[in-house]
Protein backbone atom coordinates (compact mmCIF):
# COMPACT_ATOMS: atom_id res chain seq x y z
CA UNK A 1 -18.98 -18.95 -20.63
CA UNK A 2 -22.54 -19.72 -20.76
CA UNK A 3 -24.85 -17.99 -18.76
CA UNK A 4 -22.43 -14.85 -18.25
CA UNK A 5 -23.31 -11.51 -19.11
CA UNK A 6 -20.38 -11.43 -20.94
CA UNK A 7 -21.19 -13.90 -23.33
CA UNK A 8 -22.69 -11.70 -25.76
CA UNK A 9 -23.21 -7.93 -25.95
CA UNK A 10 -25.62 -6.50 -23.65
CA UNK A 11 -28.50 -4.16 -24.32
CA UNK A 12 -28.84 -0.64 -22.71
CA UNK A 13 -31.34 -1.76 -20.53
CA UNK A 14 -29.45 -4.71 -19.20
CA UNK A 15 -26.59 -2.81 -18.35
CA UNK A 16 -28.61 -0.04 -16.83
CA UNK A 17 -30.44 -2.45 -14.78
CA UNK A 18 -29.49 -2.10 -11.26
CA UNK A 19 -28.17 -5.91 -10.33
CA UNK A 20 -28.91 -7.76 -7.00
CA UNK A 21 -25.62 -8.26 -5.95
CA UNK A 22 -24.61 -4.44 -6.29
CA UNK A 23 -27.86 -3.35 -4.25
CA UNK A 24 -27.21 -5.56 -1.60
CA UNK A 25 -23.32 -4.59 -1.62
CA UNK A 26 -24.61 -1.14 -1.17
CA UNK A 27 -26.67 -1.98 1.71
CA UNK A 28 -23.76 -3.65 3.68
CA UNK A 29 -22.26 0.30 4.06
CA UNK A 30 -23.84 1.76 7.61
CA UNK A 31 -26.75 4.50 6.78
CA UNK A 32 -24.86 7.26 7.77
CA UNK A 33 -22.18 6.61 5.13
CA UNK A 34 -24.63 6.53 2.24
CA UNK A 35 -25.19 10.35 2.56
CA UNK A 36 -22.87 11.86 -0.24
CA UNK A 37 -21.75 14.96 2.20
CA UNK A 38 -21.06 12.38 4.90
CA UNK A 39 -18.97 10.05 2.71
CA UNK A 40 -17.26 12.79 1.13
CA UNK A 41 -16.03 14.24 4.29
CA UNK A 42 -14.73 10.48 5.71
CA UNK A 43 -12.86 10.19 2.26
CA UNK A 44 -11.40 13.87 3.03
CA UNK A 45 -10.54 12.93 6.43
CA UNK A 46 -8.88 9.44 5.21
CA UNK A 47 -6.43 11.80 2.87
CA UNK A 48 -5.89 14.21 6.07
CA UNK A 49 -4.85 11.31 8.16
CA UNK A 50 -2.85 9.44 5.36
CA UNK A 51 -0.87 12.74 4.76
CA UNK A 52 -0.40 13.42 8.52
CA UNK A 53 0.56 10.06 9.61
CA UNK A 54 3.00 9.05 6.63
CA UNK A 55 4.19 12.38 4.37
CA UNK A 56 6.40 15.13 5.28
CA UNK A 57 4.92 17.89 3.77
CA UNK A 58 8.02 19.66 2.65
CA UNK A 59 8.66 16.70 0.24
CA UNK A 60 6.82 16.36 -2.86
CA UNK A 61 5.61 13.70 -5.60
CA UNK A 62 7.71 15.52 -8.08
CA UNK A 63 9.71 18.93 -8.92
CA UNK A 64 6.80 20.70 -10.17
CA UNK A 65 5.51 20.84 -6.84
CA UNK A 66 8.76 22.11 -5.28
CA UNK A 67 8.37 24.96 -7.39
CA UNK A 68 5.00 25.56 -6.55
CA UNK A 69 5.87 25.51 -2.55
CA UNK A 70 8.91 27.83 -3.21
CA UNK A 71 6.51 30.29 -5.04
CA UNK A 72 4.00 30.31 -2.37
CA UNK A 73 6.92 31.03 0.26
CA UNK A 74 7.81 33.82 -1.58
CA UNK A 75 3.89 35.21 -2.33
CA UNK A 76 3.76 35.30 1.14
CA UNK A 77 6.77 37.39 1.43
CA UNK A 78 6.31 39.52 -1.41
CA UNK A 79 2.57 40.00 -0.40
CA UNK A 80 -0.63 39.67 -2.06
CA UNK A 81 -0.42 37.45 -5.06
CA UNK A 82 3.09 38.25 -6.74
CA UNK A 83 4.70 34.77 -7.71
CA UNK A 84 8.12 36.46 -7.98
CA UNK A 85 10.75 34.19 -7.09
CA UNK A 86 13.55 36.82 -7.14
CA UNK A 87 17.10 36.13 -7.84
CA UNK A 88 19.90 36.92 -5.70
CA UNK A 89 22.66 36.67 -8.51
CA UNK A 90 20.55 38.60 -11.20
CA UNK A 91 23.10 41.34 -11.34
CA UNK A 92 25.89 38.74 -12.51
CA UNK A 93 23.42 36.30 -14.49
CA UNK A 94 20.53 38.39 -15.82
CA UNK A 95 19.60 35.50 -18.25
CA UNK A 96 19.19 33.34 -15.21
CA UNK A 97 21.18 30.64 -16.58
CA UNK A 98 22.32 29.54 -12.94
CA UNK A 99 19.06 30.18 -11.40
CA UNK A 100 18.80 27.51 -8.67
CA UNK A 101 15.60 26.31 -9.27
CA UNK A 102 15.03 24.94 -12.86
CA UNK A 103 12.58 26.06 -15.04
CA UNK A 104 12.47 29.49 -13.79
CA UNK A 105 12.24 32.23 -16.60
CA UNK A 106 12.47 35.90 -16.51
CA UNK A 107 8.84 37.11 -17.05
CA UNK A 108 9.15 40.94 -17.33
CA UNK A 109 10.85 41.92 -14.31
CA UNK A 110 10.05 38.95 -12.38
CA UNK A 111 11.56 35.34 -11.91
CA UNK A 112 8.66 32.84 -12.21
CA UNK A 113 8.91 29.04 -11.77
CA UNK A 114 5.16 28.27 -12.44
CA UNK A 115 3.04 27.85 -15.39
CA UNK A 116 -0.30 28.22 -13.87
CA UNK A 117 -1.73 30.89 -11.54
CA UNK A 118 -5.40 29.64 -10.46
CA UNK A 119 -4.23 26.97 -8.07
CA UNK A 120 -1.54 29.07 -6.23
CA UNK A 121 -3.61 32.01 -6.09
CA UNK A 122 -6.18 29.51 -4.39
CA UNK A 123 -3.52 28.15 -2.30
CA UNK A 124 -2.63 31.14 -0.93
CA UNK A 125 -4.71 32.17 1.51
CA UNK A 126 -4.35 28.33 2.98
CA UNK A 127 -0.42 29.03 3.20
CA UNK A 128 -0.92 32.07 5.31
CA UNK A 129 -2.58 30.03 7.48
CA UNK A 130 -0.85 26.77 7.97
CA UNK A 131 2.33 26.74 5.70
CA UNK A 132 2.92 23.67 3.19
CA UNK A 133 1.03 21.45 5.44
CA UNK A 134 -2.33 23.48 4.99
CA UNK A 135 -2.12 23.88 0.93
CA UNK A 136 -2.43 20.17 0.44
CA UNK A 137 -6.12 20.52 1.42
CA UNK A 138 -6.67 21.66 -2.27
CA UNK A 139 -5.48 18.38 -3.74
CA UNK A 140 -7.66 16.14 -1.21
CA UNK A 141 -10.88 18.30 -2.21
CA UNK A 142 -10.08 17.98 -5.67
CA UNK A 143 -9.45 14.05 -5.13
CA UNK A 144 -13.28 14.10 -3.51
CA UNK A 145 -14.39 16.06 -6.27
CA UNK A 146 -13.19 13.20 -8.68
CA UNK A 147 -14.55 10.56 -6.63
CA UNK A 148 -18.14 12.19 -6.69
CA UNK A 149 -17.66 12.85 -10.52
CA UNK A 150 -17.17 9.25 -10.90
CA UNK A 151 -19.95 8.31 -8.99
CA UNK A 152 -22.26 10.68 -11.00
CA UNK A 153 -20.80 8.75 -14.48
CA UNK A 154 -21.41 5.36 -12.80
CA UNK A 155 -24.87 6.13 -12.11
CA UNK A 156 -25.54 7.34 -15.57
CA UNK A 157 -23.78 4.47 -17.29
CA UNK A 158 -25.47 1.32 -15.27
CA UNK A 159 -23.20 1.26 -12.15
CA UNK A 160 -25.84 1.40 -9.81
CA UNK A 161 -26.23 4.41 -7.21
CA UNK A 162 -22.32 5.21 -7.97
CA UNK A 163 -21.50 4.81 -3.94
CA UNK A 164 -19.15 1.97 -4.59
CA UNK A 165 -17.61 3.87 -7.54
CA UNK A 166 -16.96 6.66 -5.18
CA UNK A 167 -14.61 4.77 -2.76
CA UNK A 168 -12.72 2.58 -5.74
CA UNK A 169 -11.99 5.71 -7.79
CA UNK A 170 -10.91 7.65 -4.35
CA UNK A 171 -8.88 5.16 -2.78
CA UNK A 172 -7.83 2.66 -5.62
CA UNK A 173 -6.74 4.43 -8.36
CA UNK A 174 -3.86 7.19 -9.04
CA UNK A 175 -6.52 9.73 -8.03
CA UNK A 176 -5.59 8.59 -4.16
CA UNK A 177 -1.60 9.43 -4.90
CA UNK A 178 -2.44 12.66 -6.35
CA UNK A 179 -4.76 13.70 -3.44
CA UNK A 180 -1.69 13.83 -1.23
CA UNK A 181 0.66 16.13 -3.10
CA UNK A 182 0.42 19.78 -3.75
CA UNK A 183 -0.32 19.36 -7.58
CA UNK A 184 -3.32 20.43 -9.73
CA UNK A 185 -3.96 17.22 -11.01
CA UNK A 186 -6.80 16.16 -8.92
CA UNK A 187 -8.46 19.77 -9.01
CA UNK A 188 -7.94 19.77 -13.01
CA UNK A 189 -9.29 15.91 -13.27
CA UNK A 190 -12.36 16.57 -11.32
CA UNK A 191 -13.23 19.71 -13.57
CA UNK A 192 -12.96 17.61 -16.59
CA UNK A 193 -14.93 14.78 -15.03
CA UNK A 194 -17.79 16.82 -14.09
CA UNK A 195 -17.24 18.44 -17.79
CA UNK A 196 -17.96 14.82 -19.14
CA UNK A 197 -20.55 14.18 -17.12
CA UNK A 198 -22.64 17.27 -18.58
CA UNK A 199 -21.22 16.19 -21.90
CA UNK A 200 -23.32 12.61 -21.56
CA UNK A 201 -26.23 14.56 -20.13
CA UNK A 202 -26.56 16.79 -23.51
CA UNK A 203 -25.86 13.58 -25.38
CA UNK A 204 -28.39 11.55 -24.10
CA UNK A 205 -31.16 14.50 -23.73
CA UNK A 206 -30.92 14.99 -20.07
CA UNK A 207 -29.94 18.30 -20.91
CA UNK A 208 -29.53 21.14 -23.57
CA UNK A 209 -27.35 23.74 -24.55
CA UNK A 210 -26.55 25.58 -21.31
CA UNK A 211 -25.12 21.97 -19.79
CA UNK A 212 -22.82 22.32 -22.86
CA UNK A 213 -21.97 25.87 -22.31
CA UNK A 214 -20.99 24.69 -18.44
CA UNK A 215 -19.45 21.54 -19.75
CA UNK A 216 -16.99 23.96 -21.74
CA UNK A 217 -16.34 26.07 -19.20
CA UNK A 218 -15.66 23.46 -16.64
CA UNK A 219 -13.12 21.85 -19.33
CA UNK A 220 -11.86 25.42 -20.09
CA UNK A 221 -11.05 26.12 -16.26
CA UNK A 222 -9.22 22.78 -16.31
CA UNK A 223 -7.44 24.16 -19.25
CA UNK A 224 -5.72 26.79 -16.89
CA UNK A 225 -3.93 24.14 -14.84
CA UNK A 226 -3.76 21.27 -17.02
CA UNK A 227 -3.30 21.84 -20.86
CA UNK A 228 -4.45 18.08 -21.81
CA UNK A 229 -7.92 19.36 -20.97
CA UNK A 230 -8.29 21.17 -24.18
CA UNK A 231 -7.79 17.44 -25.77
CA UNK A 232 -10.55 16.03 -23.92
CA UNK A 233 -12.62 18.92 -24.42
CA UNK A 234 -12.44 18.54 -28.40
CA UNK A 235 -12.46 14.67 -28.54
CA UNK A 236 -16.04 14.83 -25.78
CA UNK A 237 -17.80 17.19 -27.39
CA UNK A 238 -16.45 16.42 -30.84
CA UNK A 239 -17.80 12.42 -30.13
CA UNK A 240 -20.71 13.73 -28.60
CA UNK A 241 -21.60 15.86 -31.72
CA UNK A 242 -20.66 13.28 -34.18
CA UNK A 243 -23.18 11.01 -32.47
CA UNK A 244 -25.94 13.29 -32.14
CA UNK A 245 -25.65 14.24 -35.99
CA UNK A 246 -25.78 10.14 -37.04
CA UNK A 247 -28.74 9.73 -34.61
CA UNK A 248 -30.76 12.60 -35.42
CA UNK A 249 -29.33 13.55 -39.06
CA UNK A 250 -29.50 17.30 -38.31
CA UNK A 251 -26.77 19.85 -37.89
CA UNK A 252 -28.90 22.05 -35.51
CA UNK A 253 -27.95 20.36 -32.03
CA UNK A 254 -24.71 19.40 -32.85
CA UNK A 255 -23.75 23.11 -34.05
CA UNK A 256 -25.47 24.64 -30.80
CA UNK A 257 -23.84 22.15 -28.46
CA UNK A 258 -20.31 22.65 -30.08
CA UNK A 259 -20.31 26.55 -30.03
CA UNK A 260 -21.94 26.50 -26.71
CA UNK A 261 -19.12 24.41 -25.17
CA UNK A 262 -16.31 26.29 -27.26
CA UNK A 263 -17.68 29.52 -26.18
CA UNK A 264 -17.75 28.06 -22.28
CA UNK A 265 -14.13 27.38 -22.48
CA UNK A 266 -13.21 30.40 -24.30
CA UNK A 267 -14.86 32.29 -21.47
CA UNK A 268 -12.67 30.59 -18.62
CA UNK A 269 -9.14 30.99 -20.83
CA UNK A 270 -9.90 35.05 -21.49
CA UNK A 271 -10.54 35.40 -17.67
CA UNK A 272 -7.01 33.37 -16.72
CA UNK A 273 -5.49 35.82 -19.61
CA UNK A 274 -6.72 38.49 -17.65
CA UNK A 275 -5.57 36.96 -14.38
CA UNK A 276 -2.41 36.53 -15.82
CA UNK A 277 -1.92 40.01 -17.03
CA UNK A 278 -2.88 41.77 -13.78
CA UNK A 279 -0.53 39.54 -12.09
CA UNK A 280 2.69 39.21 -14.62
CA UNK A 281 1.53 42.01 -17.33
CA UNK A 282 1.67 39.17 -19.74
CA UNK A 283 0.13 35.77 -21.09
CA UNK A 284 1.83 32.87 -18.96
CA UNK A 285 -0.43 29.90 -19.56
CA UNK A 286 -0.96 30.60 -23.20
CA UNK A 287 2.49 30.71 -23.70
CA UNK A 288 2.93 27.10 -22.34
CA UNK A 289 0.06 25.97 -24.36
CA UNK A 290 1.69 27.50 -27.67
CA UNK A 291 5.32 26.00 -26.67
CA UNK A 292 3.55 22.40 -26.00
CA UNK A 293 1.85 22.67 -29.49
CA UNK A 294 4.75 23.98 -31.41
CA UNK A 295 6.87 20.76 -30.04
CA UNK A 296 4.04 18.49 -31.05
CA UNK A 297 5.28 15.81 -33.05
CA UNK A 298 8.84 16.33 -32.56
CA UNK A 299 11.40 13.69 -32.30
CA UNK A 300 8.78 11.10 -33.17
CA UNK A 301 10.76 8.20 -31.42
CA UNK A 302 11.10 9.87 -28.11
CA UNK A 303 7.08 10.41 -28.11
CA UNK A 304 6.47 6.52 -29.22
CA UNK A 305 8.55 5.54 -26.04
CA UNK A 306 6.94 7.75 -23.83
CA UNK A 307 3.54 6.77 -25.13
CA UNK A 308 4.70 2.92 -24.23
CA UNK A 309 5.89 4.16 -20.89
CA UNK A 310 2.49 6.05 -19.82
CA UNK A 311 0.45 3.84 -21.14
CA UNK A 312 2.16 0.32 -19.72
CA UNK A 313 5.36 1.10 -17.88
CA UNK A 314 5.84 -0.76 -14.58
CA UNK A 315 8.86 1.13 -13.35
CA UNK A 316 11.40 -1.72 -13.21
CA UNK A 317 14.93 -0.93 -12.57
CA UNK A 318 17.75 -2.11 -14.94
CA UNK A 319 15.03 -3.68 -17.16
CA UNK A 320 15.14 -2.59 -20.95
CA UNK A 321 12.00 0.00 -21.84
CA UNK A 322 10.98 -2.59 -24.39
CA UNK A 323 11.03 -5.46 -21.99
CA UNK A 324 9.36 -3.33 -19.62
CA UNK A 325 6.46 -2.54 -21.99
CA UNK A 326 5.92 -6.23 -22.64
CA UNK A 327 5.71 -7.23 -19.35
CA UNK A 328 3.29 -4.01 -18.56
CA UNK A 329 1.17 -4.92 -21.61
CA UNK A 330 1.20 -8.53 -20.33
CA UNK A 331 0.19 -7.75 -16.82
CA UNK A 332 -2.63 -5.50 -18.16
CA UNK A 333 -3.98 -8.57 -20.15
CA UNK A 334 -3.87 -11.03 -17.63
CA UNK A 335 -5.98 -8.67 -15.26
CA UNK A 336 -8.25 -8.25 -18.08
CA UNK A 337 -8.76 -11.61 -19.38
CA UNK A 338 -8.55 -12.98 -15.74
CA UNK A 339 -11.53 -10.74 -14.85
CA UNK A 340 -13.33 -12.36 -17.72
CA UNK A 341 -12.74 -15.60 -17.05
CA UNK A 342 -13.95 -14.84 -13.32
CA UNK A 343 -17.16 -14.01 -14.34
CA UNK A 344 -17.76 -17.58 -15.62
CA UNK A 345 -19.81 -20.21 -13.62
CA UNK A 346 -17.38 -22.60 -15.30
CA UNK A 347 -14.87 -23.86 -12.34
CA UNK A 348 -11.97 -24.45 -14.83
CA UNK A 349 -12.61 -21.11 -16.40
CA UNK A 350 -12.58 -19.73 -12.84
CA UNK A 351 -9.45 -21.52 -11.81
CA UNK A 352 -7.73 -19.96 -14.99
CA UNK A 353 -8.73 -16.64 -14.04
CA UNK A 354 -7.65 -17.00 -10.61
CA UNK A 355 -4.21 -17.95 -11.94
CA UNK A 356 -3.94 -15.13 -14.00
CA UNK A 357 -5.11 -12.41 -11.71
CA UNK A 358 -2.57 -13.81 -9.02
CA UNK A 359 0.47 -14.11 -11.65
CA UNK A 360 -0.52 -10.35 -12.25
CA UNK A 361 -0.31 -9.61 -8.52
CA UNK A 362 3.12 -11.58 -8.57
CA UNK A 363 4.52 -8.99 -11.26
CA UNK A 364 3.63 -6.20 -8.95
CA UNK A 365 5.05 -7.71 -5.89
CA UNK A 366 8.46 -8.49 -7.67
CA UNK A 367 8.36 -4.93 -8.97
CA UNK A 368 7.88 -3.41 -5.56
CA UNK A 369 10.43 -5.69 -4.19
CA UNK A 370 13.09 -3.80 -6.01
CA UNK A 371 11.99 -0.57 -3.81
CA UNK A 372 9.35 1.82 -3.89
CA UNK A 373 9.06 4.12 -7.10
CA UNK A 374 7.05 5.41 -9.66
CA UNK A 375 4.53 3.12 -11.61
CA UNK A 376 4.04 5.56 -14.64
CA UNK A 377 1.92 3.72 -17.02
CA UNK A 378 -2.07 4.51 -16.65
CA UNK A 379 -2.89 0.51 -17.15
CA UNK A 380 -0.17 -0.14 -14.99
CA UNK A 381 -1.29 1.70 -11.93
CA UNK A 382 -4.89 1.47 -12.57
CA UNK A 383 -5.83 -2.52 -13.02
CA UNK A 384 -9.40 -1.15 -13.06
CA UNK A 385 -8.71 0.82 -16.33
CA UNK A 386 -7.27 -2.37 -18.10
CA UNK A 387 -10.48 -3.95 -17.35
CA UNK A 388 -12.33 -1.08 -18.77
CA UNK A 389 -10.38 -0.84 -22.16
CA UNK A 390 -10.76 -4.54 -22.90
CA UNK A 391 -14.21 -5.44 -21.65
CA UNK A 392 -16.08 -2.51 -21.70
CA UNK A 393 -16.51 -2.38 -25.60
CA UNK A 394 -19.11 -5.35 -25.15
CA UNK A 395 -21.53 -3.13 -23.21
CA UNK A 396 -23.29 -0.22 -25.27
CA UNK A 397 -23.92 2.49 -22.64
CA UNK A 398 -19.99 2.36 -21.98
CA UNK A 399 -18.96 2.86 -25.36
CA UNK A 400 -18.69 6.55 -25.78
CA UNK A 401 -16.88 7.27 -22.36
CA UNK A 402 -14.46 4.39 -23.59
CA UNK A 403 -14.27 5.99 -27.03
CA UNK A 404 -13.62 9.41 -25.54
CA UNK A 405 -10.76 7.78 -23.34
CA UNK A 406 -9.24 5.85 -26.17
CA UNK A 407 -9.49 8.51 -29.05
CA UNK A 408 -8.07 11.36 -26.52
CA UNK A 409 -4.63 8.97 -26.08
CA UNK A 410 -2.64 9.59 -29.42
CA UNK A 411 -3.62 13.46 -29.11
CA UNK A 412 -2.29 13.32 -25.33
CA UNK A 413 0.74 11.46 -26.13
CA UNK A 414 1.79 13.91 -28.90
CA UNK A 415 1.10 16.99 -27.07
CA UNK A 416 2.22 16.15 -23.85
CA UNK A 417 5.34 17.94 -22.00
CA UNK A 418 8.30 15.56 -23.54
CA UNK A 419 11.15 14.22 -21.00
CA UNK A 420 8.93 13.13 -18.33
CA UNK A 421 7.24 9.94 -18.97
CA UNK A 422 9.26 7.98 -16.19
CA UNK A 423 8.84 10.37 -13.03
CA UNK A 424 5.15 10.24 -13.20
CA UNK A 425 2.47 8.21 -11.56
CA UNK A 426 -0.37 6.39 -13.98
CA UNK A 427 0.33 8.79 -16.64
CA UNK A 428 -0.41 12.29 -15.25
CA UNK A 429 -1.23 13.74 -18.74
CA UNK A 430 -3.79 10.97 -19.45
CA UNK A 431 -5.38 10.79 -15.79
CA UNK A 432 -8.83 11.46 -17.39
CA UNK A 433 -8.53 8.84 -19.86
CA UNK A 434 -7.46 6.25 -16.90
CA UNK A 435 -10.45 7.24 -14.57
CA UNK A 436 -13.18 6.98 -17.35
CA UNK A 437 -11.61 3.53 -18.14
CA UNK A 438 -11.63 2.88 -14.42
CA UNK A 439 -15.46 3.75 -14.12
CA UNK A 440 -16.25 1.53 -16.94
CA UNK A 441 -14.27 -1.22 -15.97
CA UNK A 442 -16.19 -1.24 -12.61
CA UNK A 443 -19.73 -0.99 -14.56
CA UNK A 444 -18.67 -4.32 -16.51
CA UNK A 445 -17.81 -6.31 -13.53
CA UNK A 446 -20.36 -4.87 -11.08
CA UNK A 447 -22.69 -7.85 -11.40
CA UNK A 448 -19.53 -9.93 -10.84
CA UNK A 449 -18.76 -9.66 -7.56
CA UNK A 450 -15.96 -12.31 -7.36
CA UNK A 451 -14.36 -10.65 -10.56
CA UNK A 452 -14.56 -7.11 -9.00
CA UNK A 453 -12.76 -8.23 -5.69
CA UNK A 454 -9.84 -9.95 -7.22
CA UNK A 455 -9.13 -6.73 -9.40
CA UNK A 456 -9.64 -4.29 -6.80
CA UNK A 457 -7.27 -6.37 -4.48
CA UNK A 458 -4.40 -5.84 -7.19
CA UNK A 459 -5.49 -2.12 -7.65
CA UNK A 460 -5.21 -1.58 -3.75
CA UNK A 461 -1.82 -3.51 -3.88
CA UNK A 462 -0.34 -0.91 -6.61
CA UNK A 463 -2.33 1.94 -4.99
CA UNK A 464 -0.47 1.32 -1.80
CA UNK A 465 2.85 1.15 -3.42
CA UNK A 466 2.09 4.77 -4.75
CA UNK A 467 1.38 5.76 -1.01
CA UNK A 468 4.18 4.12 0.06
CA UNK A 469 6.68 5.79 -2.56
CA UNK A 470 5.18 8.98 -1.93
CA UNK A 471 5.72 8.60 1.98
CA UNK A 472 9.62 7.47 1.54
CA UNK A 473 10.33 10.38 -1.22
CA UNK A 474 8.58 13.43 0.93
CA UNK A 475 10.80 12.15 4.24
CA UNK A 476 13.83 11.46 2.19
CA UNK A 477 14.01 14.84 0.41
CA UNK A 478 12.87 16.89 3.43
CA UNK A 479 15.12 14.92 5.62
CA UNK A 480 17.85 15.28 3.26
CA UNK A 481 17.60 18.90 2.52
CA UNK A 482 17.69 19.40 6.24
CA UNK A 483 21.08 17.67 6.57
CA UNK A 484 22.67 20.27 3.94
CA UNK A 485 21.26 23.07 5.28
CA UNK A 486 22.59 22.19 8.91
CA UNK A 487 26.17 22.35 7.35
CA UNK A 488 25.54 26.13 7.25
CA UNK A 489 27.60 26.47 4.00
CA UNK A 490 28.03 29.83 2.82
CA UNK A 491 26.51 29.00 -0.80
CA UNK A 492 25.24 25.99 -2.47
CA UNK A 493 25.92 25.12 -6.14
CA UNK A 494 24.05 21.91 -7.35
CA UNK A 495 25.05 19.80 -10.35
CA UNK A 496 21.94 18.14 -10.52
CA UNK A 497 19.41 19.85 -12.61
CA UNK A 498 16.10 19.11 -10.52
CA UNK A 499 17.75 18.96 -6.93
CA UNK A 500 17.23 22.31 -5.72
CA UNK A 501 13.93 22.46 -7.15
CA UNK A 502 12.90 19.29 -5.63
CA UNK A 503 13.77 20.97 -2.09
CA UNK A 504 11.55 24.02 -3.20
CA UNK A 505 10.04 24.09 0.41
CA UNK A 506 13.25 25.39 1.46
CA UNK A 507 13.84 28.06 -0.85
CA UNK A 508 14.54 31.42 0.21
CA UNK A 509 15.68 34.02 -1.89
CA UNK A 510 18.56 35.19 0.51
CA UNK A 511 20.05 31.82 0.25
CA UNK A 512 22.95 32.04 -2.11
CA UNK A 513 21.94 28.79 -4.34
CA UNK A 514 22.97 28.23 -8.14
CA UNK A 515 22.43 25.32 -10.28
CA UNK A 516 25.05 24.44 -12.60
CA UNK A 517 24.97 21.36 -14.78
CA UNK A 518 28.00 21.51 -17.22
CA UNK A 519 31.64 22.77 -16.57
CA UNK A 520 31.21 26.22 -18.11
CA UNK A 521 28.23 26.92 -15.81
CA UNK A 522 30.09 25.51 -12.71
CA UNK A 523 33.20 27.72 -13.60
CA UNK A 524 30.69 30.87 -13.83
CA UNK A 525 29.11 29.88 -10.76
CA UNK A 526 32.20 29.93 -8.87
CA UNK A 527 33.37 33.34 -10.41
CA UNK A 528 29.88 34.40 -8.70
CA UNK A 529 30.84 32.97 -5.70
CA UNK A 530 34.40 34.68 -5.67
CA UNK A 531 32.63 38.07 -6.63
CA UNK A 532 30.23 38.30 -3.70
CA UNK A 533 32.71 37.29 -1.10
CA UNK A 534 32.02 33.71 -0.65
CA UNK A 535 35.21 31.96 1.07
CA UNK A 536 33.23 28.76 1.33
CA UNK A 537 30.56 26.85 -0.79
CA UNK A 538 29.38 23.12 -1.19
CA UNK A 539 29.23 21.53 -4.68
CA UNK A 540 26.39 19.12 -4.37
CA UNK A 541 26.72 16.26 -7.19
CA UNK A 542 25.68 12.64 -7.50
CA UNK A 543 27.39 10.03 -5.13
CA UNK A 544 29.61 9.09 -7.96
CA UNK A 545 30.10 12.15 -9.62
CA UNK A 546 33.86 13.28 -9.61
CA UNK A 547 34.75 16.52 -8.12
CA UNK A 548 37.84 18.73 -9.05
CA UNK A 549 40.66 18.96 -6.83
CA UNK A 550 40.39 22.73 -7.10
CA UNK A 551 38.34 25.48 -8.95
CA UNK A 552 38.53 29.19 -9.47
CA UNK A 553 40.91 29.51 -6.34
CA UNK A 554 38.88 27.27 -4.18
CA UNK A 555 40.41 23.80 -3.02
CA UNK A 556 38.29 20.67 -2.26
CA UNK A 557 37.43 19.78 1.45
CA UNK A 558 35.82 16.80 2.94
CA UNK A 559 32.87 15.17 1.33
CA UNK A 560 29.58 13.83 2.78
CA UNK A 561 26.94 11.47 1.35
CA UNK A 562 23.41 12.59 1.98
CA UNK A 563 20.64 10.59 1.05
CA UNK A 564 17.76 12.48 -1.44
CA UNK A 565 14.61 10.89 -2.96
CA UNK A 566 15.31 7.53 -1.86
CA UNK A 567 17.43 6.17 0.85
CA UNK A 568 19.49 4.47 -1.44
CA UNK A 569 20.21 7.16 -3.55
CA UNK A 570 22.99 9.33 -2.17
CA UNK A 571 24.04 12.69 -3.14
CA UNK A 572 27.84 13.66 -2.69
CA UNK A 573 28.29 17.21 -1.01
CA UNK A 574 31.73 18.47 -1.12
CA UNK A 575 33.11 21.42 0.59
CA UNK A 576 35.15 23.90 -1.10
CA UNK A 577 37.33 26.67 0.37
CA UNK A 578 38.97 29.53 -1.00
CA UNK A 579 42.80 29.28 -0.42
């Protein structure tokens, strides 16, 4: 590849020099769009328009969001910031075994389904004004802040003025998917990215201990919503202190930076603890972190499998996990190798690179031909991150952010909540790594428009698949729950663990809902129905799940199939009447 910038390791000066191609690309944008405030407003408008046009606000990307919407509904009803969901069958089921929303725990005298309060407290005023639709403004603003932080990082790493990265991160990475769902991922990611900007400034002596204090505070605030923020705090600050120690041969600045950042993070965590004590009378987030830490390393085989899934998983249905990981890894390599070859001036290498990128695109098309669904791997959902992890090591200025992204991965894999690897987009516990790698990938390809555009076409394809998936999922969940509620059953008993939590936007403590996942729980649920004078209830299960002819004095009646999650996934809703 003679004559290309990737033939030999570039110097810091050559990487940081703004190439003519990127400069001309920036000049293409209208002058008014070059203003950061205007660009942010336009990106926010795109998110709003996409959500209004394609999504139902009552359907979500995951059950966690359903729990949050249920909590906001009850906060409005309770008045103030009280997240108590209540439980209509508490007198009969004081331990909440049959509580309708999975992961609801009794905290003092309250029933709580969330593990973080700051996002809910910030959303509560919006919910009072505009309900489920209005609270989506928060993740959208978080995504805009992610894009702005990515642009700031790119400027520091040799990515020109950062305008291109702003749009790429905002529209062609997993950030675009999480912007459209009421989850705290974009807000937490934005705080971590801005923390990384400050850490980089401290490392390069553009700022001092005050910036380290601010970085710690940002990571600490992110940790009140995303536990993995603590991992990225330790890794980024730890690596920065190590580099300073090697460069400067003194402990003074590394110790000052480390202590300042830890103090900033600790302050935010203490303030969050005070908020939890004032709201619930107990430590909510700390218990979550402790529980996660306790489970770290447990069932190592499961964690290894989930690490592969959240790195290269493509979400193929019916494919063995090991085969899918091989295919996903091959796609990441094809994208990165194809991009590298496309930077060449040799026609044969350009042709080979084109073939590799096209083959990667064909795999994605084959994946989505099976139907919309999750792409759980960070390298699979963000092709530009695949370029970053493979090629960015050649550029010295990019080594620090890439090292942070890679070094944090094993710790995140070991400490992430186990059991939710498949139903997520782009590895939601490692979004920080994916975004850092995507920024690095752009900087590497910035001077090679042909390679950059090719990768972005593939990235746009997979991101569009994610937007389509959320649209289908949100409408199918909302329509399915509306169909079930239109039956006007006296009581609902779900045999699906997460079904009623998925439909959390429809939650009302006065509705007699229960979740019973095994035979013992089902008998207990039916006994509660009888005790409360329920003459008819609906039993909800999978389309192929058998329903007993009679149970607890109730006789089976008619059966209705209701689409839920996806049009091709149906729930069987069976009527039972008291004899």
